[in-house]
Amino acid sequence: MLLQLQSLFVGEKKELPIDCRLDFSALEWNGTYPFREPVSVSGLVSYSAGVVTLKADVQYRYEGGCDRCAASISQERRFTMEHILVVSLNHEENDSFVLIDNYQLPLDELVEEDLILDQPSKVLCKEDCRGLCALCGKNLNEGDCDCRHETVDPRLAALQQLLD
């Protein structure tokens, strides 16, 4: 979605509302496609005191697998994105501003970047997920397994003989 912002930058308008749904179903993240439903973006691009800012709420459903137990996850998530929009930069390496070309902002590209930055490093089905048994592979969230977990590190086997 391409936003036309010239009227804001020249001072003809003070606000431009945003309310759209963007499709990121083809976006791959960690080997999966977790954004199967459209992402909702609602907010405002506004002009005040010579500064154009974008502030929007982003809501989406994340669908994937737990990083510990591989269970399916479907979670509603939301975050707020805020950016200052400029048409030129004095210092080319300034990351606090979003440089737009010809007064046009490709909203889907900006939302995609923020969507990726919003993802946690580990996705868990629940905070206290116990994961899988390293020996038999049973999901420990469903109960304990019958494996004997008394294995001794081979480097410490000589010390175990002293205890026997």
N, C-alpha and C. Protein backbone atom coordinates (compact mmCIF):
# COMPACT_ATOMS: atom_id res chain seq x y z
N MET A 1 0.84 -1.16 0.00
CA MET A 1 0.00 0.00 0.00
C MET A 1 0.89 1.23 0.00
N LEU A 2 0.66 2.11 -0.93
CA LEU A 2 1.47 3.31 -1.10
C LEU A 2 0.68 4.52 -0.60
N LEU A 3 1.22 5.19 0.43
CA LEU A 3 0.57 6.38 0.98
C LEU A 3 1.12 7.63 0.29
N GLN A 4 0.23 8.48 -0.19
CA GLN A 4 0.61 9.75 -0.81
C GLN A 4 0.63 10.82 0.28
N LEU A 5 1.79 11.39 0.57
CA LEU A 5 1.94 12.28 1.71
C LEU A 5 2.31 13.72 1.35
N GLN A 6 2.27 14.06 0.08
CA GLN A 6 2.68 15.40 -0.32
C GLN A 6 1.84 16.48 0.35
N SER A 7 0.54 16.26 0.47
CA SER A 7 -0.34 17.27 1.08
C SER A 7 0.03 17.53 2.54
N LEU A 8 0.59 16.53 3.24
CA LEU A 8 1.04 16.72 4.61
C LEU A 8 2.35 17.52 4.66
N PHE A 9 3.27 17.18 3.78
CA PHE A 9 4.57 17.83 3.80
C PHE A 9 4.50 19.29 3.37
N VAL A 10 3.55 19.64 2.51
CA VAL A 10 3.43 21.04 2.09
C VAL A 10 2.46 21.81 2.98
N GLY A 11 1.85 21.17 3.95
CA GLY A 11 1.00 21.85 4.91
C GLY A 11 -0.45 22.00 4.51
N GLU A 12 -0.90 21.34 3.44
CA GLU A 12 -2.31 21.42 3.04
C GLU A 12 -3.22 20.66 3.99
N LYS A 13 -2.72 19.56 4.53
CA LYS A 13 -3.48 18.75 5.47
C LYS A 13 -2.69 18.61 6.76
N LYS A 14 -3.41 18.34 7.83
CA LYS A 14 -2.77 18.11 9.13
C LYS A 14 -2.70 16.63 9.49
N GLU A 15 -3.64 15.83 8.95
CA GLU A 15 -3.71 14.42 9.31
C GLU A 15 -4.13 13.56 8.12
N LEU A 16 -3.66 12.33 8.14
CA LEU A 16 -4.09 11.34 7.16
C LEU A 16 -4.33 10.04 7.93
N PRO A 17 -5.59 9.62 8.06
CA PRO A 17 -5.87 8.38 8.81
C PRO A 17 -5.46 7.14 8.00
N ILE A 18 -5.08 6.12 8.75
CA ILE A 18 -4.71 4.83 8.15
C ILE A 18 -5.58 3.77 8.77
N ASP A 19 -6.20 2.95 7.94
CA ASP A 19 -6.98 1.81 8.41
C ASP A 19 -6.98 0.79 7.29
N CYS A 20 -6.12 -0.20 7.39
CA CYS A 20 -5.99 -1.17 6.30
C CYS A 20 -5.61 -2.54 6.84
N ARG A 21 -5.68 -3.52 5.96
CA ARG A 21 -5.27 -4.88 6.25
C ARG A 21 -4.26 -5.27 5.18
N LEU A 22 -3.08 -5.70 5.64
CA LEU A 22 -2.00 -6.03 4.73
C LEU A 22 -1.73 -7.53 4.75
N ASP A 23 -1.44 -8.09 3.59
CA ASP A 23 -1.22 -9.52 3.45
C ASP A 23 0.27 -9.84 3.53
N PHE A 24 0.66 -10.58 4.56
CA PHE A 24 2.04 -11.03 4.72
C PHE A 24 2.10 -12.56 4.74
N SER A 25 1.17 -13.21 4.09
CA SER A 25 1.13 -14.68 4.10
C SER A 25 2.33 -15.29 3.39
N ALA A 26 3.00 -14.55 2.51
CA ALA A 26 4.17 -15.06 1.80
C ALA A 26 5.47 -14.74 2.53
N LEU A 27 5.38 -14.07 3.69
CA LEU A 27 6.57 -13.69 4.45
C LEU A 27 7.06 -14.88 5.27
N GLU A 28 8.28 -15.32 5.00
CA GLU A 28 8.86 -16.45 5.72
C GLU A 28 9.62 -15.93 6.94
N TRP A 29 9.41 -16.59 8.08
CA TRP A 29 10.12 -16.23 9.30
C TRP A 29 10.53 -17.51 10.01
N ASN A 30 11.82 -17.73 10.18
CA ASN A 30 12.37 -18.92 10.83
C ASN A 30 11.87 -20.21 10.19
N GLY A 31 11.80 -20.23 8.88
CA GLY A 31 11.42 -21.45 8.17
C GLY A 31 9.93 -21.71 8.10
N THR A 32 9.09 -20.80 8.59
CA THR A 32 7.64 -20.98 8.53
C THR A 32 7.00 -19.73 7.95
N TYR A 33 5.71 -19.81 7.75
CA TYR A 33 4.92 -18.67 7.26
C TYR A 33 3.86 -18.37 8.33
N PRO A 34 4.26 -17.61 9.38
CA PRO A 34 3.40 -17.45 10.55
C PRO A 34 2.28 -16.42 10.42
N PHE A 35 2.25 -15.63 9.36
CA PHE A 35 1.26 -14.56 9.23
C PHE A 35 0.24 -14.94 8.17
N ARG A 36 -0.56 -15.94 8.48
CA ARG A 36 -1.52 -16.48 7.50
C ARG A 36 -2.73 -15.59 7.31
N GLU A 37 -3.08 -14.83 8.34
CA GLU A 37 -4.21 -13.91 8.25
C GLU A 37 -3.69 -12.50 7.98
N PRO A 38 -4.50 -11.65 7.36
CA PRO A 38 -4.04 -10.27 7.12
C PRO A 38 -3.73 -9.53 8.42
N VAL A 39 -2.74 -8.65 8.34
CA VAL A 39 -2.30 -7.84 9.48
C VAL A 39 -3.08 -6.53 9.44
N SER A 40 -3.70 -6.17 10.56
CA SER A 40 -4.49 -4.92 10.65
C SER A 40 -3.60 -3.78 11.10
N VAL A 41 -3.67 -2.67 10.36
CA VAL A 41 -2.90 -1.47 10.70
C VAL A 41 -3.88 -0.31 10.78
N SER A 42 -3.92 0.35 11.94
CA SER A 42 -4.78 1.52 12.08
C SER A 42 -4.03 2.59 12.85
N GLY A 43 -4.09 3.80 12.32
CA GLY A 43 -3.37 4.88 12.97
C GLY A 43 -3.51 6.18 12.21
N LEU A 44 -2.46 6.98 12.31
CA LEU A 44 -2.54 8.34 11.78
C LEU A 44 -1.16 8.82 11.36
N VAL A 45 -1.09 9.46 10.19
CA VAL A 45 0.09 10.20 9.79
C VAL A 45 -0.29 11.66 10.01
N SER A 46 0.52 12.37 10.80
CA SER A 46 0.14 13.74 11.14
C SER A 46 1.30 14.71 10.93
N TYR A 47 0.92 15.97 10.70
CA TYR A 47 1.87 17.06 10.51
C TYR A 47 1.71 18.04 11.66
N SER A 48 2.81 18.32 12.36
CA SER A 48 2.76 19.28 13.45
C SER A 48 4.14 19.91 13.61
N ALA A 49 4.18 21.22 13.61
CA ALA A 49 5.41 21.99 13.81
C ALA A 49 6.52 21.57 12.85
N GLY A 50 6.15 21.32 11.61
CA GLY A 50 7.14 20.98 10.58
C GLY A 50 7.61 19.54 10.59
N VAL A 51 6.99 18.70 11.40
CA VAL A 51 7.40 17.30 11.50
C VAL A 51 6.22 16.41 11.12
N VAL A 52 6.50 15.44 10.25
CA VAL A 52 5.48 14.46 9.85
C VAL A 52 5.78 13.16 10.59
N THR A 53 4.80 12.68 11.36
CA THR A 53 4.99 11.45 12.13
C THR A 53 3.91 10.43 11.77
N LEU A 54 4.30 9.19 11.87
CA LEU A 54 3.39 8.06 11.67
C LEU A 54 3.28 7.34 12.99
N LYS A 55 2.06 7.14 13.47
CA LYS A 55 1.82 6.35 14.67
C LYS A 55 0.66 5.43 14.36
N ALA A 56 0.89 4.12 14.53
CA ALA A 56 -0.14 3.14 14.18
C ALA A 56 -0.08 1.93 15.11
N ASP A 57 -1.24 1.34 15.34
CA ASP A 57 -1.34 0.08 16.06
C ASP A 57 -1.40 -1.04 15.03
N VAL A 58 -0.62 -2.07 15.28
CA VAL A 58 -0.57 -3.22 14.38
C VAL A 58 -1.05 -4.43 15.15
N GLN A 59 -2.05 -5.13 14.61
CA GLN A 59 -2.60 -6.34 15.23
C GLN A 59 -2.47 -7.48 14.23
N TYR A 60 -2.07 -8.65 14.76
CA TYR A 60 -1.91 -9.80 13.88
C TYR A 60 -2.02 -11.09 14.67
N ARG A 61 -2.20 -12.17 13.95
CA ARG A 61 -2.24 -13.51 14.55
C ARG A 61 -0.96 -14.23 14.11
N TYR A 62 -0.23 -14.74 15.11
CA TYR A 62 0.98 -15.52 14.85
C TYR A 62 0.61 -16.98 14.93
N GLU A 63 0.95 -17.74 13.89
CA GLU A 63 0.70 -19.18 13.87
C GLU A 63 2.00 -19.90 13.54
N GLY A 64 2.41 -20.77 14.45
CA GLY A 64 3.65 -21.49 14.24
C GLY A 64 3.78 -22.60 15.24
N GLY A 65 5.03 -22.97 15.54
CA GLY A 65 5.30 -24.04 16.48
C GLY A 65 6.14 -23.56 17.64
N CYS A 66 5.95 -24.18 18.80
CA CYS A 66 6.71 -23.85 20.00
C CYS A 66 8.17 -24.29 19.78
N ASP A 67 9.10 -23.47 20.20
CA ASP A 67 10.51 -23.78 20.02
C ASP A 67 11.02 -24.85 20.99
N ARG A 68 10.26 -25.18 22.02
CA ARG A 68 10.68 -26.21 22.97
C ARG A 68 9.97 -27.54 22.75
N CYS A 69 8.67 -27.51 22.51
CA CYS A 69 7.92 -28.78 22.43
C CYS A 69 7.30 -29.01 21.06
N ALA A 70 7.42 -28.08 20.15
CA ALA A 70 6.91 -28.19 18.77
C ALA A 70 5.39 -28.21 18.69
N ALA A 71 4.69 -27.84 19.75
CA ALA A 71 3.22 -27.77 19.71
C ALA A 71 2.80 -26.59 18.84
N SER A 72 1.63 -26.71 18.23
CA SER A 72 1.11 -25.62 17.41
C SER A 72 0.72 -24.43 18.28
N ILE A 73 1.01 -23.24 17.78
CA ILE A 73 0.70 -22.01 18.50
C ILE A 73 -0.13 -21.11 17.60
N SER A 74 -1.13 -20.50 18.17
CA SER A 74 -1.92 -19.48 17.48
C SER A 74 -2.18 -18.38 18.51
N GLN A 75 -1.47 -17.25 18.33
CA GLN A 75 -1.53 -16.18 19.31
C GLN A 75 -1.90 -14.86 18.66
N GLU A 76 -2.76 -14.09 19.33
CA GLU A 76 -3.05 -12.72 18.92
C GLU A 76 -1.95 -11.84 19.49
N ARG A 77 -1.38 -10.99 18.65
CA ARG A 77 -0.33 -10.09 19.10
C ARG A 77 -0.62 -8.68 18.60
N ARG A 78 0.00 -7.71 19.27
CA ARG A 78 -0.17 -6.31 18.86
C ARG A 78 1.05 -5.52 19.29
N PHE A 79 1.35 -4.49 18.52
CA PHE A 79 2.40 -3.55 18.88
C PHE A 79 2.08 -2.19 18.26
N THR A 80 2.75 -1.16 18.76
CA THR A 80 2.58 0.19 18.24
C THR A 80 3.85 0.58 17.51
N MET A 81 3.68 1.12 16.32
CA MET A 81 4.84 1.60 15.57
C MET A 81 4.78 3.13 15.48
N GLU A 82 5.93 3.75 15.65
CA GLU A 82 6.05 5.20 15.56
C GLU A 82 7.28 5.54 14.75
N HIS A 83 7.13 6.42 13.77
CA HIS A 83 8.24 6.83 12.93
C HIS A 83 8.11 8.30 12.56
N ILE A 84 9.24 8.96 12.43
CA ILE A 84 9.29 10.32 11.90
C ILE A 84 9.66 10.20 10.43
N LEU A 85 8.86 10.80 9.57
CA LEU A 85 9.04 10.69 8.12
C LEU A 85 9.72 11.95 7.60
N VAL A 86 10.72 11.76 6.74
CA VAL A 86 11.44 12.89 6.13
C VAL A 86 11.62 12.64 4.64
N VAL A 87 11.81 13.74 3.89
CA VAL A 87 12.05 13.61 2.45
C VAL A 87 13.52 13.75 2.11
N SER A 88 14.34 14.19 3.07
CA SER A 88 15.79 14.26 2.87
C SER A 88 16.49 14.17 4.22
N LEU A 89 17.73 13.69 4.18
CA LEU A 89 18.54 13.54 5.40
C LEU A 89 19.85 14.29 5.24
N ASN A 90 20.31 14.92 6.32
CA ASN A 90 21.63 15.55 6.31
C ASN A 90 22.71 14.52 6.56
N HIS A 91 22.43 13.58 7.44
CA HIS A 91 23.36 12.50 7.75
C HIS A 91 22.74 11.20 7.26
N GLU A 92 23.33 10.58 6.27
CA GLU A 92 22.73 9.43 5.59
C GLU A 92 22.56 8.21 6.49
N GLU A 93 23.27 8.13 7.60
CA GLU A 93 23.19 6.94 8.44
C GLU A 93 22.34 7.15 9.69
N ASN A 94 21.36 8.00 9.61
CA ASN A 94 20.50 8.27 10.76
C ASN A 94 19.30 7.34 10.72
N ASP A 95 19.25 6.38 11.67
CA ASP A 95 18.19 5.37 11.69
C ASP A 95 16.92 5.82 12.40
N SER A 96 16.93 7.02 12.98
CA SER A 96 15.74 7.46 13.71
C SER A 96 14.68 8.07 12.79
N PHE A 97 15.01 8.27 11.53
CA PHE A 97 14.06 8.83 10.57
C PHE A 97 13.82 7.85 9.43
N VAL A 98 12.62 7.90 8.86
CA VAL A 98 12.30 7.10 7.68
C VAL A 98 12.32 8.02 6.48
N LEU A 99 13.22 7.74 5.56
CA LEU A 99 13.35 8.54 4.35
C LEU A 99 12.35 8.06 3.31
N ILE A 100 11.51 8.98 2.81
CA ILE A 100 10.54 8.60 1.79
C ILE A 100 10.91 9.29 0.48
N ASP A 101 10.50 8.70 -0.61
CA ASP A 101 10.84 9.19 -1.94
C ASP A 101 9.59 9.73 -2.63
N ASN A 102 9.67 10.91 -3.19
CA ASN A 102 8.57 11.53 -3.94
C ASN A 102 7.30 11.63 -3.10
N TYR A 103 7.44 11.87 -1.82
CA TYR A 103 6.30 12.04 -0.90
C TYR A 103 5.42 10.80 -0.84
N GLN A 104 5.99 9.63 -1.13
CA GLN A 104 5.23 8.38 -1.11
C GLN A 104 5.86 7.42 -0.11
N LEU A 105 5.02 6.85 0.72
CA LEU A 105 5.48 5.90 1.72
C LEU A 105 4.92 4.52 1.42
N PRO A 106 5.79 3.53 1.12
CA PRO A 106 5.31 2.15 0.96
C PRO A 106 5.05 1.56 2.36
N LEU A 107 3.81 1.64 2.79
CA LEU A 107 3.44 1.24 4.15
C LEU A 107 3.72 -0.24 4.41
N ASP A 108 3.48 -1.09 3.43
CA ASP A 108 3.68 -2.52 3.64
C ASP A 108 5.14 -2.85 3.95
N GLU A 109 6.09 -2.16 3.34
CA GLU A 109 7.51 -2.40 3.61
C GLU A 109 7.87 -1.99 5.03
N LEU A 110 7.35 -0.86 5.46
CA LEU A 110 7.63 -0.37 6.81
C LEU A 110 7.00 -1.28 7.87
N VAL A 111 5.78 -1.70 7.63
CA VAL A 111 5.11 -2.61 8.57
C VAL A 111 5.83 -3.95 8.61
N GLU A 112 6.28 -4.44 7.47
CA GLU A 112 7.01 -5.72 7.44
C GLU A 112 8.27 -5.65 8.29
N GLU A 113 9.03 -4.57 8.19
CA GLU A 113 10.24 -4.41 9.01
C GLU A 113 9.89 -4.43 10.50
N ASP A 114 8.88 -3.65 10.87
CA ASP A 114 8.50 -3.59 12.28
C ASP A 114 7.91 -4.90 12.77
N LEU A 115 7.22 -5.61 11.90
CA LEU A 115 6.64 -6.91 12.23
C LEU A 115 7.75 -7.91 12.55
N ILE A 116 8.80 -7.91 11.77
CA ILE A 116 9.93 -8.81 12.01
C ILE A 116 10.65 -8.43 13.30
N LEU A 117 10.82 -7.12 13.53
CA LEU A 117 11.48 -6.67 14.76
C LEU A 117 10.66 -6.99 16.00
N ASP A 118 9.35 -7.14 15.86
CA ASP A 118 8.48 -7.45 16.99
C ASP A 118 8.54 -8.92 17.41
N GLN A 119 9.10 -9.78 16.58
CA GLN A 119 9.11 -11.21 16.89
C GLN A 119 10.11 -11.54 17.99
N PRO A 120 9.70 -12.36 18.94
CA PRO A 120 10.62 -12.75 20.02
C PRO A 120 11.69 -13.71 19.49
N SER A 121 12.81 -13.80 20.20
CA SER A 121 13.87 -14.71 19.76
C SER A 121 13.46 -16.17 19.93
N LYS A 122 12.64 -16.46 20.93
CA LYS A 122 12.10 -17.81 21.15
C LYS A 122 10.60 -17.71 21.28
N VAL A 123 9.90 -18.54 20.54
CA VAL A 123 8.44 -18.59 20.61
C VAL A 123 8.05 -19.81 21.43
N LEU A 124 7.32 -19.57 22.52
CA LEU A 124 6.92 -20.66 23.41
C LEU A 124 5.40 -20.75 23.49
N CYS A 125 4.89 -21.97 23.64
CA CYS A 125 3.45 -22.17 23.77
C CYS A 125 2.94 -21.60 25.09
N LYS A 126 3.79 -21.64 26.13
CA LYS A 126 3.50 -21.03 27.42
C LYS A 126 4.84 -20.77 28.10
N GLU A 127 4.84 -19.86 29.06
CA GLU A 127 6.10 -19.46 29.69
C GLU A 127 6.86 -20.61 30.33
N ASP A 128 6.13 -21.54 30.95
CA ASP A 128 6.79 -22.63 31.66
C ASP A 128 6.79 -23.93 30.85
N CYS A 129 6.89 -23.82 29.53
CA CYS A 129 6.93 -25.01 28.67
C CYS A 129 8.13 -25.87 29.06
N ARG A 130 7.87 -27.17 29.26
CA ARG A 130 8.91 -28.10 29.71
C ARG A 130 9.66 -28.74 28.54
N GLY A 131 9.14 -28.60 27.34
CA GLY A 131 9.82 -29.13 26.17
C GLY A 131 9.62 -30.62 25.98
N LEU A 132 10.58 -31.24 25.29
CA LEU A 132 10.54 -32.66 24.98
C LEU A 132 11.62 -33.40 25.75
N CYS A 133 11.34 -34.67 26.07
CA CYS A 133 12.35 -35.50 26.72
C CYS A 133 13.49 -35.72 25.73
N ALA A 134 14.72 -35.55 26.20
CA ALA A 134 15.88 -35.71 25.33
C ALA A 134 16.12 -37.17 24.93
N LEU A 135 15.55 -38.12 25.68
CA LEU A 135 15.76 -39.52 25.39
C LEU A 135 14.66 -40.13 24.51
N CYS A 136 13.39 -39.90 24.89
CA CYS A 136 12.30 -40.56 24.15
C CYS A 136 11.49 -39.59 23.28
N GLY A 137 11.62 -38.29 23.50
CA GLY A 137 10.91 -37.32 22.69
C GLY A 137 9.49 -37.00 23.13
N LYS A 138 9.07 -37.50 24.30
CA LYS A 138 7.71 -37.24 24.77
C LYS A 138 7.57 -35.78 25.18
N ASN A 139 6.42 -35.21 24.90
CA ASN A 139 6.12 -33.84 25.31
C ASN A 139 5.92 -33.84 26.82
N LEU A 140 6.82 -33.21 27.55
CA LEU A 140 6.79 -33.22 29.01
C LEU A 140 5.68 -32.34 29.59
N ASN A 141 5.04 -31.52 28.76
CA ASN A 141 3.88 -30.75 29.21
C ASN A 141 2.67 -31.65 29.42
N GLU A 142 2.67 -32.81 28.78
CA GLU A 142 1.56 -33.75 28.89
C GLU A 142 1.77 -34.75 30.03
N GLY A 143 2.91 -34.69 30.68
CA GLY A 143 3.22 -35.60 31.79
C GLY A 143 4.64 -36.11 31.68
N ASP A 144 5.11 -36.69 32.77
CA ASP A 144 6.47 -37.21 32.79
C ASP A 144 6.58 -38.48 31.96
N CYS A 145 7.77 -38.75 31.48
CA CYS A 145 7.99 -39.98 30.71
C CYS A 145 8.57 -41.05 31.63
N ASP A 146 8.75 -42.25 31.09
CA ASP A 146 9.26 -43.37 31.88
C ASP A 146 10.76 -43.58 31.71
N CYS A 147 11.44 -42.62 31.13
CA CYS A 147 12.88 -42.75 30.90
C CYS A 147 13.64 -42.61 32.22
N ARG A 148 14.75 -43.31 32.28
CA ARG A 148 15.64 -43.17 33.44
C ARG A 148 16.59 -42.03 33.13
N HIS A 149 16.56 -41.02 33.94
CA HIS A 149 17.40 -39.83 33.72
C HIS A 149 18.61 -39.85 34.63
N GLU A 150 19.07 -41.07 34.96
CA GLU A 150 20.21 -41.22 35.86
C GLU A 150 21.50 -41.42 35.09
N THR A 151 21.52 -41.06 33.86
CA THR A 151 22.73 -41.24 33.06
C THR A 151 23.84 -40.35 33.60
N VAL A 152 25.05 -40.86 33.55
CA VAL A 152 26.21 -40.15 34.06
C VAL A 152 27.03 -39.67 32.87
N ASP A 153 27.50 -38.46 32.99
CA ASP A 153 28.37 -37.91 31.97
C ASP A 153 29.59 -38.82 31.86
N PRO A 154 29.95 -39.27 30.65
CA PRO A 154 31.08 -40.20 30.52
C PRO A 154 32.39 -39.65 31.08
N ARG A 155 32.53 -38.36 31.11
CA ARG A 155 33.76 -37.76 31.66
C ARG A 155 33.82 -37.91 33.18
N LEU A 156 32.63 -38.15 33.79
CA LEU A 156 32.60 -38.30 35.25
C LEU A 156 32.35 -39.75 35.68
N ALA A 157 32.41 -40.68 34.75
CA ALA A 157 32.12 -42.08 35.04
C ALA A 157 33.07 -42.65 36.10
N ALA A 158 34.32 -42.23 36.09
CA ALA A 158 35.28 -42.74 37.09
C ALA A 158 34.88 -42.31 38.48
N LEU A 159 34.33 -41.12 38.63
CA LEU A 159 33.86 -40.67 39.95
C LEU A 159 32.62 -41.47 40.39
N GLN A 160 31.78 -41.87 39.46
CA GLN A 160 30.59 -42.65 39.78
C GLN A 160 31.00 -44.00 40.36
N GLN A 161 32.09 -44.56 39.86
CA GLN A 161 32.56 -45.85 40.37
C GLN A 161 32.95 -45.74 41.85
N LEU A 162 33.43 -44.59 42.26
CA LEU A 162 33.79 -44.40 43.67
C LEU A 162 32.55 -44.44 44.56
N LEU A 163 31.42 -43.94 44.06
CA LEU A 163 30.19 -43.95 44.83
C LEU A 163 29.58 -45.34 44.91
N ASP A 164 29.85 -46.18 43.92
CA ASP A 164 29.31 -47.54 43.93
C ASP A 164 30.14 -48.37 44.84
